[in-house]
């Protein structure tokens, strides 16, 4: 049995659908199972078993891991992530889970300038020490997060950032889900570390140009000083300060360490990753 933590998230949901499309059963964990069942619709009636569990509740995890051979571990970034993910790993080890696939971070390192990336590194080290076979998936920026820019594009025709003209790797979460499904169902892929990107690195200026062409009206990228973007995210996007700081750290790292795409998705899946332009066209009504 494959157990999925983070089934309510974009990547976990993509994995559920990828497995189901191949006829592979899975067990999806959620703190709100009724809501997840409603979201999954007919999918939950067949190949997906939805179970109530909470990363902060060890008893619920032990119950959820009964009979599990593999675990997909993806949790929302947060201040308690290291504590929660290390607890999950420990209980998975006690429960006999044989393989863990963890969503990590391409900047994960003990000396990373990004605080949450240092946390991912710490969890990865704990995973190695556990002795469980494990696979690390290190995706770059999610295309789905670009939808957070849609209201400002629709209302004002602007994209705000602090990334200058730095290129950024984008990847569709559905490609991450497909890679995760491949790793969970093909023994020859298990045990590695995979850095995941789309096929091109595009900065915010390039995204503004694409939207200008698709919408047939001007969309402008406005590059702000980091402190101004941080304040904007807190005051207008209503982000907690730690999350606003995380976004600033990511954007500043892209400036100092220019990004370039990998061919990992194509090598694993035997097809090219979904393109950024295709994603924007798919969701273009959100930007109008």
C-alpha atoms as a PDB file:
ATOM      1  CA  UNK A   1       0.000   0.000   0.000  1.00  0.00           C
ATOM      2  CA  UNK A   2       1.160   3.528  -0.861  1.00  0.00           C
ATOM      3  CA  UNK A   3       0.268   6.125   1.769  1.00  0.00           C
ATOM      4  CA  UNK A   4       0.122   9.788   0.768  1.00  0.00           C
ATOM      5  CA  UNK A   5       0.661  12.579   3.280  1.00  0.00           C
ATOM      6  CA  UNK A   6      -0.218  15.940   1.822  1.00  0.00           C
ATOM      7  CA  UNK A   7      -3.072  14.494  -0.226  1.00  0.00           C
ATOM      8  CA  UNK A   8      -5.041  17.733   0.135  1.00  0.00           C
ATOM      9  CA  UNK A   9      -2.218  19.746  -1.417  1.00  0.00           C
ATOM     10  CA  UNK A  10      -1.616  20.477  -5.081  1.00  0.00           C
ATOM     11  CA  UNK A  11       1.250  18.022  -5.475  1.00  0.00           C
ATOM     12  CA  UNK A  12      -0.308  15.278  -3.359  1.00  0.00           C
ATOM     13  CA  UNK A  13      -3.559  15.593  -5.276  1.00  0.00           C
ATOM     14  CA  UNK A  14      -1.690  15.348  -8.576  1.00  0.00           C
ATOM     15  CA  UNK A  15       0.018  12.185  -7.319  1.00  0.00           C
ATOM     16  CA  UNK A  16      -3.317  10.637  -6.322  1.00  0.00           C
ATOM     17  CA  UNK A  17      -4.697  11.213  -9.794  1.00  0.00           C
ATOM     18  CA  UNK A  18      -1.539   9.969 -11.482  1.00  0.00           C
ATOM     19  CA  UNK A  19      -1.605   6.723  -9.513  1.00  0.00           C
ATOM     20  CA  UNK A  20      -5.337   6.253 -10.087  1.00  0.00           C
ATOM     21  CA  UNK A  21      -4.944   6.777 -13.830  1.00  0.00           C
ATOM     22  CA  UNK A  22      -2.570   3.797 -13.818  1.00  0.00           C
ATOM     23  CA  UNK A  23      -4.882   1.682 -11.670  1.00  0.00           C
ATOM     24  CA  UNK A  24      -2.634   1.861  -8.590  1.00  0.00           C
ATOM     25  CA  UNK A  25      -4.471   1.974  -5.223  1.00  0.00           C
ATOM     26  CA  UNK A  26      -3.394   4.422  -2.515  1.00  0.00           C
ATOM     27  CA  UNK A  27      -4.329   5.621   0.950  1.00  0.00           C
ATOM     28  CA  UNK A  28      -4.744   9.387   1.311  1.00  0.00           C
ATOM     29  CA  UNK A  29      -4.343  10.968   4.742  1.00  0.00           C
ATOM     30  CA  UNK A  30      -6.164  14.118   5.773  1.00  0.00           C
ATOM     31  CA  UNK A  31      -7.148  15.996   8.912  1.00  0.00           C
ATOM     32  CA  UNK A  32     -10.507  16.571   7.198  1.00  0.00           C
ATOM     33  CA  UNK A  33     -11.306  13.309   5.381  1.00  0.00           C
ATOM     34  CA  UNK A  34     -14.874  14.270   4.477  1.00  0.00           C
ATOM     35  CA  UNK A  35     -13.668  17.395   2.718  1.00  0.00           C
ATOM     36  CA  UNK A  36     -10.980  15.440   0.859  1.00  0.00           C
ATOM     37  CA  UNK A  37     -13.505  12.793  -0.226  1.00  0.00           C
ATOM     38  CA  UNK A  38     -15.773  15.512  -1.584  1.00  0.00           C
ATOM     39  CA  UNK A  39     -12.846  17.085  -3.439  1.00  0.00           C
ATOM     40  CA  UNK A  40     -11.783  13.786  -4.974  1.00  0.00           C
ATOM     41  CA  UNK A  41     -15.304  12.839  -6.040  1.00  0.00           C
ATOM     42  CA  UNK A  42     -15.577   9.513  -7.851  1.00  0.00           C
ATOM     43  CA  UNK A  43     -11.845   8.922  -7.439  1.00  0.00           C
ATOM     44  CA  UNK A  44     -12.277   8.331  -3.706  1.00  0.00           C
ATOM     45  CA  UNK A  45     -14.892   5.640  -4.333  1.00  0.00           C
ATOM     46  CA  UNK A  46     -12.507   3.368  -6.161  1.00  0.00           C
ATOM     47  CA  UNK A  47      -8.745   3.374  -5.926  1.00  0.00           C
ATOM     48  CA  UNK A  48      -8.223   5.948  -3.150  1.00  0.00           C
ATOM     49  CA  UNK A  49      -8.856   5.086   0.498  1.00  0.00           C
ATOM     50  CA  UNK A  50      -9.235   8.279   2.526  1.00  0.00           C
ATOM     51  CA  UNK A  51      -8.140   8.053   6.171  1.00  0.00           C
ATOM     52  CA  UNK A  52      -8.198  10.582   8.997  1.00  0.00           C
ATOM     53  CA  UNK A  53      -4.697  11.379  10.291  1.00  0.00           C
ATOM     54  CA  UNK A  54      -2.716  14.315  11.626  1.00  0.00           C
ATOM     55  CA  UNK A  55       1.065  14.701  11.593  1.00  0.00           C
ATOM     56  CA  UNK A  56       0.853  16.025  15.152  1.00  0.00           C
ATOM     57  CA  UNK A  57      -1.077  12.943  16.343  1.00  0.00           C
ATOM     58  CA  UNK A  58       1.212   9.924  16.635  1.00  0.00           C
ATOM     59  CA  UNK A  59      -1.651   7.504  17.315  1.00  0.00           C
ATOM     60  CA  UNK A  60      -3.478   8.471  14.130  1.00  0.00           C
ATOM     61  CA  UNK A  61      -0.255   8.061  12.137  1.00  0.00           C
ATOM     62  CA  UNK A  62       0.377   4.567  13.487  1.00  0.00           C
ATOM     63  CA  UNK A  63      -3.139   3.558  12.486  1.00  0.00           C
ATOM     64  CA  UNK A  64      -2.785   5.137   9.047  1.00  0.00           C
ATOM     65  CA  UNK A  65       0.549   3.408   8.375  1.00  0.00           C
ATOM     66  CA  UNK A  66      -0.727  -0.106   9.128  1.00  0.00           C
ATOM     67  CA  UNK A  67       0.093  -2.340   6.181  1.00  0.00           C
ATOM     68  CA  UNK A  68       1.880   0.456   4.312  1.00  0.00           C
ATOM     69  CA  UNK A  69       4.988  -0.336   2.289  1.00  0.00           C
ATOM     70  CA  UNK A  70       5.632   3.127   0.875  1.00  0.00           C
ATOM     71  CA  UNK A  71       5.010   6.692   2.023  1.00  0.00           C
ATOM     72  CA  UNK A  72       4.844   9.919   0.049  1.00  0.00           C
ATOM     73  CA  UNK A  73       5.676  12.809   2.385  1.00  0.00           C
ATOM     74  CA  UNK A  74       4.744  16.345   1.377  1.00  0.00           C
ATOM     75  CA  UNK A  75       3.801  18.941   3.944  1.00  0.00           C
ATOM     76  CA  UNK A  76       3.106  22.634   3.614  1.00  0.00           C
ATOM     77  CA  UNK A  77       6.095  24.806   4.416  1.00  0.00           C
ATOM     78  CA  UNK A  78       5.852  26.130   7.933  1.00  0.00           C
ATOM     79  CA  UNK A  79       7.638  26.840  11.181  1.00  0.00           C
ATOM     80  CA  UNK A  80       6.862  23.358  12.600  1.00  0.00           C
ATOM     81  CA  UNK A  81       7.721  21.423   9.451  1.00  0.00           C
ATOM     82  CA  UNK A  82      10.991  19.908  10.675  1.00  0.00           C
ATOM     83  CA  UNK A  83       9.438  18.678  13.920  1.00  0.00           C
ATOM     84  CA  UNK A  84       6.380  17.229  12.195  1.00  0.00           C
ATOM     85  CA  UNK A  85       8.217  15.550   9.325  1.00  0.00           C
ATOM     86  CA  UNK A  86      10.818  13.945  11.581  1.00  0.00           C
ATOM     87  CA  UNK A  87       7.996  12.553  13.742  1.00  0.00           C
ATOM     88  CA  UNK A  88       6.328  11.128  10.629  1.00  0.00           C
ATOM     89  CA  UNK A  89       9.587   9.481   9.567  1.00  0.00           C
ATOM     90  CA  UNK A  90      10.139   7.932  12.984  1.00  0.00           C
ATOM     91  CA  UNK A  91       6.629   6.498  13.133  1.00  0.00           C
ATOM     92  CA  UNK A  92       6.871   5.246   9.555  1.00  0.00           C
ATOM     93  CA  UNK A  93      10.086   3.410  10.482  1.00  0.00           C
ATOM     94  CA  UNK A  94       8.426   1.879  13.547  1.00  0.00           C
ATOM     95  CA  UNK A  95       5.446   0.837  11.394  1.00  0.00           C
ATOM     96  CA  UNK A  96       7.529  -1.067   8.854  1.00  0.00           C
ATOM     97  CA  UNK A  97       7.351   1.380   5.941  1.00  0.00           C
ATOM     98  CA  UNK A  98      10.093   0.360   3.514  1.00  0.00           C
ATOM     99  CA  UNK A  99      10.399   3.386   1.209  1.00  0.00           C
ATOM    100  CA  UNK A 100       9.724   7.101   1.733  1.00  0.00           C
ATOM    101  CA  UNK A 101       9.469   9.630  -1.102  1.00  0.00           C
ATOM    102  CA  UNK A 102       9.901  13.129   0.300  1.00  0.00           C
ATOM    103  CA  UNK A 103       9.282  16.462  -1.370  1.00  0.00           C
ATOM    104  CA  UNK A 104      12.405  18.440  -0.578  1.00  0.00           C
ATOM    105  CA  UNK A 105      13.987  21.608  -1.934  1.00  0.00           C
ATOM    106  CA  UNK A 106      16.639  22.278  -4.607  1.00  0.00           C
ATOM    107  CA  UNK A 107      18.404  24.664  -2.208  1.00  0.00           C
ATOM    108  CA  UNK A 108      18.394  22.198   0.712  1.00  0.00           C
ATOM    109  CA  UNK A 109      21.759  22.446   2.446  1.00  0.00           C
ATOM    110  CA  UNK A 110      23.064  23.107   5.917  1.00  0.00           C
ATOM    111  CA  UNK A 111      24.363  26.530   4.823  1.00  0.00           C
ATOM    112  CA  UNK A 112      21.465  27.509   2.556  1.00  0.00           C
ATOM    113  CA  UNK A 113      20.504  31.194   2.700  1.00  0.00           C
ATOM    114  CA  UNK A 114      16.858  30.081   2.778  1.00  0.00           C
ATOM    115  CA  UNK A 115      15.662  29.157   6.262  1.00  0.00           C
ATOM    116  CA  UNK A 116      13.070  26.599   5.138  1.00  0.00           C
ATOM    117  CA  UNK A 117      15.649  24.977   2.845  1.00  0.00           C
ATOM    118  CA  UNK A 118      17.890  24.422   5.864  1.00  0.00           C
ATOM    119  CA  UNK A 119      14.893  22.711   7.441  1.00  0.00           C
ATOM    120  CA  UNK A 120      14.468  20.430   4.421  1.00  0.00           C
ATOM    121  CA  UNK A 121      18.143  19.529   4.708  1.00  0.00           C
ATOM    122  CA  UNK A 122      17.703  18.645   8.384  1.00  0.00           C
ATOM    123  CA  UNK A 123      14.746  16.397   7.581  1.00  0.00           C
ATOM    124  CA  UNK A 124      16.722  14.768   4.784  1.00  0.00           C
ATOM    125  CA  UNK A 125      19.556  14.018   7.195  1.00  0.00           C
ATOM    126  CA  UNK A 126      17.083  12.502   9.654  1.00  0.00           C
ATOM    127  CA  UNK A 127      15.656  10.399   6.854  1.00  0.00           C
ATOM    128  CA  UNK A 128      19.108   9.092   5.946  1.00  0.00           C
ATOM    129  CA  UNK A 129      19.813   8.272   9.575  1.00  0.00           C
ATOM    130  CA  UNK A 130      16.556   6.311   9.820  1.00  0.00           C
ATOM    131  CA  UNK A 131      17.916   3.617   7.524  1.00  0.00           C
ATOM    132  CA  UNK A 132      14.721   3.555   5.429  1.00  0.00           C
ATOM    133  CA  UNK A 133      15.176   3.514   1.688  1.00  0.00           C
ATOM    134  CA  UNK A 134      14.240   6.975   0.504  1.00  0.00           C
ATOM    135  CA  UNK A 135      13.924   9.154  -2.556  1.00  0.00           C
ATOM    136  CA  UNK A 136      14.172  12.951  -2.527  1.00  0.00           C
ATOM    137  CA  UNK A 137      12.246  15.030  -5.054  1.00  0.00           C
ATOM    138  CA  UNK A 138      13.554  18.586  -5.296  1.00  0.00           C
ATOM    139  CA  UNK A 139      11.168  20.648  -7.443  1.00  0.00           C
ATOM    140  CA  UNK A 140      11.693  24.301  -8.210  1.00  0.00           C
ATOM    141  CA  UNK A 141       8.883  26.893  -8.265  1.00  0.00           C
ATOM    142  CA  UNK A 142       5.357  25.573  -8.805  1.00  0.00           C
ATOM    143  CA  UNK A 143       3.524  26.990 -11.833  1.00  0.00           C
ATOM    144  CA  UNK A 144       0.339  26.752  -9.778  1.00  0.00           C
ATOM    145  CA  UNK A 145       1.714  29.471  -7.473  1.00  0.00           C
ATOM    146  CA  UNK A 146       1.617  31.888 -10.419  1.00  0.00           C
ATOM    147  CA  UNK A 147      -2.154  31.943  -9.976  1.00  0.00           C
ATOM    148  CA  UNK A 148      -1.525  34.071  -6.884  1.00  0.00           C
ATOM    149  CA  UNK A 149      -0.407  36.800  -9.303  1.00  0.00           C
ATOM    150  CA  UNK A 150      -3.672  36.662 -11.250  1.00  0.00           C
ATOM    151  CA  UNK A 151      -5.698  39.234  -9.239  1.00  0.00           C
ATOM    152  CA  UNK A 152      -3.068  41.959  -9.683  1.00  0.00           C
ATOM    153  CA  UNK A 153      -2.690  41.139 -13.367  1.00  0.00           C
ATOM    154  CA  UNK A 154      -6.460  41.206 -13.891  1.00  0.00           C
ATOM    155  CA  UNK A 155      -7.037  44.416 -11.918  1.00  0.00           C
ATOM    156  CA  UNK A 156      -3.894  46.438 -12.634  1.00  0.00           C
ATOM    157  CA  UNK A 157      -1.922  44.650 -15.333  1.00  0.00           C
ATOM    158  CA  UNK A 158       1.126  44.287 -13.085  1.00  0.00           C
ATOM    159  CA  UNK A 159       3.347  41.593 -11.611  1.00  0.00           C
ATOM    160  CA  UNK A 160       5.319  42.605  -8.530  1.00  0.00           C
ATOM    161  CA  UNK A 161       8.584  40.963  -7.537  1.00  0.00           C
ATOM    162  CA  UNK A 162      12.140  41.511  -6.405  1.00  0.00           C
ATOM    163  CA  UNK A 163      13.917  39.174  -8.778  1.00  0.00           C
ATOM    164  CA  UNK A 164      15.253  41.697 -11.346  1.00  0.00           C
ATOM    165  CA  UNK A 165      15.635  39.906 -14.679  1.00  0.00           C
ATOM    166  CA  UNK A 166      16.795  36.612 -13.131  1.00  0.00           C
ATOM    167  CA  UNK A 167      15.536  33.446 -14.835  1.00  0.00           C
ATOM    168  CA  UNK A 168      13.420  31.151 -12.683  1.00  0.00           C
ATOM    169  CA  UNK A 169      12.720  27.435 -13.040  1.00  0.00           C
ATOM    170  CA  UNK A 170       8.994  26.642 -13.075  1.00  0.00           C
ATOM    171  CA  UNK A 171       7.375  23.222 -12.949  1.00  0.00           C
ATOM    172  CA  UNK A 172       3.769  22.112 -13.148  1.00  0.00           C
ATOM    173  CA  UNK A 173       2.736  20.216 -10.010  1.00  0.00           C
ATOM    174  CA  UNK A 174       1.142  17.591 -12.247  1.00  0.00           C
ATOM    175  CA  UNK A 175       4.612  16.731 -13.538  1.00  0.00           C
ATOM    176  CA  UNK A 176       5.858  16.421  -9.958  1.00  0.00           C
ATOM    177  CA  UNK A 177       2.945  14.081  -9.250  1.00  0.00           C
ATOM    178  CA  UNK A 178       3.767  11.993 -12.320  1.00  0.00           C
ATOM    179  CA  UNK A 179       7.438  11.721 -11.308  1.00  0.00           C
ATOM    180  CA  UNK A 180       6.429  10.758  -7.758  1.00  0.00           C
ATOM    181  CA  UNK A 181       4.101   8.082  -9.147  1.00  0.00           C
ATOM    182  CA  UNK A 182       6.914   6.696 -11.296  1.00  0.00           C
ATOM    183  CA  UNK A 183       9.287   6.553  -8.332  1.00  0.00           C
ATOM    184  CA  UNK A 184       6.666   4.811  -6.194  1.00  0.00           C
ATOM    185  CA  UNK A 185       5.848   2.188  -8.822  1.00  0.00           C
ATOM    186  CA  UNK A 186       9.248   1.518 -10.422  1.00  0.00           C
ATOM    187  CA  UNK A 187      11.868  -0.047  -8.187  1.00  0.00           C
ATOM    188  CA  UNK A 188      14.674   1.046 -10.519  1.00  0.00           C
ATOM    189  CA  UNK A 189      13.928   4.711  -9.775  1.00  0.00           C
ATOM    190  CA  UNK A 190      13.724   4.425  -5.980  1.00  0.00           C
ATOM    191  CA  UNK A 191      16.572   5.643  -3.814  1.00  0.00           C
ATOM    192  CA  UNK A 192      17.728   8.633  -5.829  1.00  0.00           C
ATOM    193  CA  UNK A 193      17.589  12.418  -5.643  1.00  0.00           C
ATOM    194  CA  UNK A 194      15.754  14.180  -8.475  1.00  0.00           C
ATOM    195  CA  UNK A 195      15.933  17.918  -9.156  1.00  0.00           C
ATOM    196  CA  UNK A 196      12.739  18.789 -11.041  1.00  0.00           C
ATOM    197  CA  UNK A 197      12.118  21.723 -13.394  1.00  0.00           C
ATOM    198  CA  UNK A 198      10.199  22.522 -16.517  1.00  0.00           C
ATOM    199  CA  UNK A 199      11.966  22.807 -19.851  1.00  0.00           C
ATOM    200  CA  UNK A 200      12.857  26.503 -19.586  1.00  0.00           C
ATOM    201  CA  UNK A 201      13.782  29.098 -16.979  1.00  0.00           C
ATOM    202  CA  UNK A 202      11.684  32.252 -17.305  1.00  0.00           C
ATOM    203  CA  UNK A 203      11.797  35.398 -15.183  1.00  0.00           C
ATOM    204  CA  UNK A 204       8.844  37.545 -14.202  1.00  0.00           C
ATOM    205  CA  UNK A 205       9.565  39.866 -17.113  1.00  0.00           C
ATOM    206  CA  UNK A 206       9.193  36.956 -19.511  1.00  0.00           C
ATOM    207  CA  UNK A 207       5.936  35.901 -17.844  1.00  0.00           C
ATOM    208  CA  UNK A 208       4.630  39.470 -18.207  1.00  0.00           C
ATOM    209  CA  UNK A 209       5.555  39.384 -21.913  1.00  0.00           C
ATOM    210  CA  UNK A 210       3.725  36.073 -22.401  1.00  0.00           C
ATOM    211  CA  UNK A 211       0.606  37.362 -20.662  1.00  0.00           C
ATOM    212  CA  UNK A 212       0.745  40.586 -22.695  1.00  0.00           C
ATOM    213  CA  UNK A 213       0.691  38.507 -25.878  1.00  0.00           C
ATOM    214  CA  UNK A 214      -2.020  36.096 -24.692  1.00  0.00           C
ATOM    215  CA  UNK A 215      -4.306  38.756 -23.199  1.00  0.00           C
ATOM    216  CA  UNK A 216      -3.663  41.273 -25.982  1.00  0.00           C
ATOM    217  CA  UNK A 217      -3.146  44.040 -23.428  1.00  0.00           C
ATOM    218  CA  UNK A 218      -0.099  45.298 -21.531  1.00  0.00           C
ATOM    219  CA  UNK A 219       1.133  43.403 -18.480  1.00  0.00           C
ATOM    220  CA  UNK A 220       4.142  44.962 -16.759  1.00  0.00           C
ATOM    221  CA  UNK A 221       6.655  43.475 -14.367  1.00  0.00           C
ATOM    222  CA  UNK A 222       7.589  45.951 -11.625  1.00  0.00           C
ATOM    223  CA  UNK A 223      10.772  45.099  -9.771  1.00  0.00           C
ATOM    224  CA  UNK A 224      10.667  46.365  -6.199  1.00  0.00           C
ATOM    225  CA  UNK A 225      13.381  46.702  -3.583  1.00  0.00           C
ATOM    226  CA  UNK A 226      13.190  43.610  -1.352  1.00  0.00           C
ATOM    227  CA  UNK A 227      11.936  45.490   1.695  1.00  0.00           C
ATOM    228  CA  UNK A 228       9.082  47.018  -0.334  1.00  0.00           C
ATOM    229  CA  UNK A 229       7.979  43.650  -1.690  1.00  0.00           C
ATOM    230  CA  UNK A 230       8.106  42.156   1.812  1.00  0.00           C
ATOM    231  CA  UNK A 231       5.867  44.925   3.141  1.00  0.00           C
ATOM    232  CA  UNK A 232       3.494  44.561   0.192  1.00  0.00           C
ATOM    233  CA  UNK A 233       3.138  40.829   0.805  1.00  0.00           C
ATOM    234  CA  UNK A 234       2.367  41.383   4.481  1.00  0.00           C
ATOM    235  CA  UNK A 235       0.072  44.403   4.072  1.00  0.00           C
ATOM    236  CA  UNK A 236      -1.792  43.546   0.872  1.00  0.00           C
ATOM    237  CA  UNK A 237      -1.445  39.782   0.382  1.00  0.00           C
ATOM    238  CA  UNK A 238      -1.917  39.313   4.151  1.00  0.00           C
ATOM    239  CA  UNK A 239       0.953  36.835   4.389  1.00  0.00           C
ATOM    240  CA  UNK A 240       2.496  36.017   7.759  1.00  0.00           C
ATOM    241  CA  UNK A 241       5.915  37.668   8.037  1.00  0.00           C
ATOM    242  CA  UNK A 242       7.795  34.336   7.917  1.00  0.00           C
ATOM    243  CA  UNK A 243       6.176  33.448   4.576  1.00  0.00           C
ATOM    244  CA  UNK A 244       6.847  36.877   3.090  1.00  0.00           C
ATOM    245  CA  UNK A 245      10.481  36.506   4.175  1.00  0.00           C
ATOM    246  CA  UNK A 246      10.623  33.048   2.582  1.00  0.00           C
ATOM    247  CA  UNK A 247       9.445  34.427  -0.758  1.00  0.00           C
ATOM    248  CA  UNK A 248      12.057  37.183  -0.576  1.00  0.00           C
ATOM    249  CA  UNK A 249      14.783  34.645   0.179  1.00  0.00           C
ATOM    250  CA  UNK A 250      13.801  32.528  -2.819  1.00  0.00           C
ATOM    251  CA  UNK A 251      13.756  35.500  -5.173  1.00  0.00           C
ATOM    252  CA  UNK A 252      17.068  36.833  -3.934  1.00  0.00           C
ATOM    253  CA  UNK A 253      18.662  33.405  -4.339  1.00  0.00           C
ATOM    254  CA  UNK A 254      17.493  33.328  -7.974  1.00  0.00           C
ATOM    255  CA  UNK A 255      19.323  36.631  -8.476  1.00  0.00           C
ATOM    256  CA  UNK A 256      22.558  35.449  -6.863  1.00  0.00           C
ATOM    257  CA  UNK A 257      22.452  31.923  -8.322  1.00  0.00           C
ATOM    258  CA  UNK A 258      20.899  32.052 -11.812  1.00  0.00           C
ATOM    259  CA  UNK A 259      18.705  29.026 -12.464  1.00  0.00           C
ATOM    260  CA  UNK A 260      18.709  26.704 -15.457  1.00  0.00           C
ATOM    261  CA  UNK A 261      16.454  23.740 -16.284  1.00  0.00           C
ATOM    262  CA  UNK A 262      17.240  20.054 -15.867  1.00  0.00           C
ATOM    263  CA  UNK A 263      16.139  17.198 -18.117  1.00  0.00           C
ATOM    264  CA  UNK A 264      15.027  15.035 -15.187  1.00  0.00           C
ATOM    265  CA  UNK A 265      11.307  15.003 -15.970  1.00  0.00           C
ATOM    266  CA  UNK A 266      11.951  13.942 -19.552  1.00  0.00           C
ATOM    267  CA  UNK A 267      14.380  11.216 -18.469  1.00  0.00           C
ATOM    268  CA  UNK A 268      12.018   9.782 -15.849  1.00  0.00           C
ATOM    269  CA  UNK A 269       8.738  10.083 -17.747  1.00  0.00           C
ATOM    270  CA  UNK A 270       9.896   9.733 -21.344  1.00  0.00           C
ATOM    271  CA  UNK A 271       8.145  12.964 -22.332  1.00  0.00           C
ATOM    272  CA  UNK A 272       8.788  16.678 -22.045  1.00  0.00           C
ATOM    273  CA  UNK A 273       7.417  18.515 -19.007  1.00  0.00           C
ATOM    274  CA  UNK A 274       4.371  20.730 -19.390  1.00  0.00           C
ATOM    275  CA  UNK A 275       5.338  24.171 -20.671  1.00  0.00           C
ATOM    276  CA  UNK A 276       4.841  27.470 -18.887  1.00  0.00           C
ATOM    277  CA  UNK A 277       2.959  28.964 -21.832  1.00  0.00           C
ATOM    278  CA  UNK A 278       0.602  25.975 -21.888  1.00  0.00           C
ATOM    279  CA  UNK A 279      -0.082  26.443 -18.173  1.00  0.00           C
ATOM    280  CA  UNK A 280      -0.788  30.162 -18.612  1.00  0.00           C
ATOM    281  CA  UNK A 281      -3.159  29.483 -21.526  1.00  0.00           C
ATOM    282  CA  UNK A 282      -4.967  26.830 -19.499  1.00  0.00           C
ATOM    283  CA  UNK A 283      -5.676  29.355 -16.740  1.00  0.00           C
ATOM    284  CA  UNK A 284      -5.864  32.507 -18.820  1.00  0.00           C
ATOM    285  CA  UNK A 285      -9.375  33.420 -17.636  1.00  0.00           C
ATOM    286  CA  UNK A 286      -7.943  33.899 -14.138  1.00  0.00           C
ATOM    287  CA  UNK A 287      -5.685  36.676 -15.478  1.00  0.00           C
ATOM    288  CA  UNK A 288      -8.304  38.528 -17.549  1.00  0.00           C
END
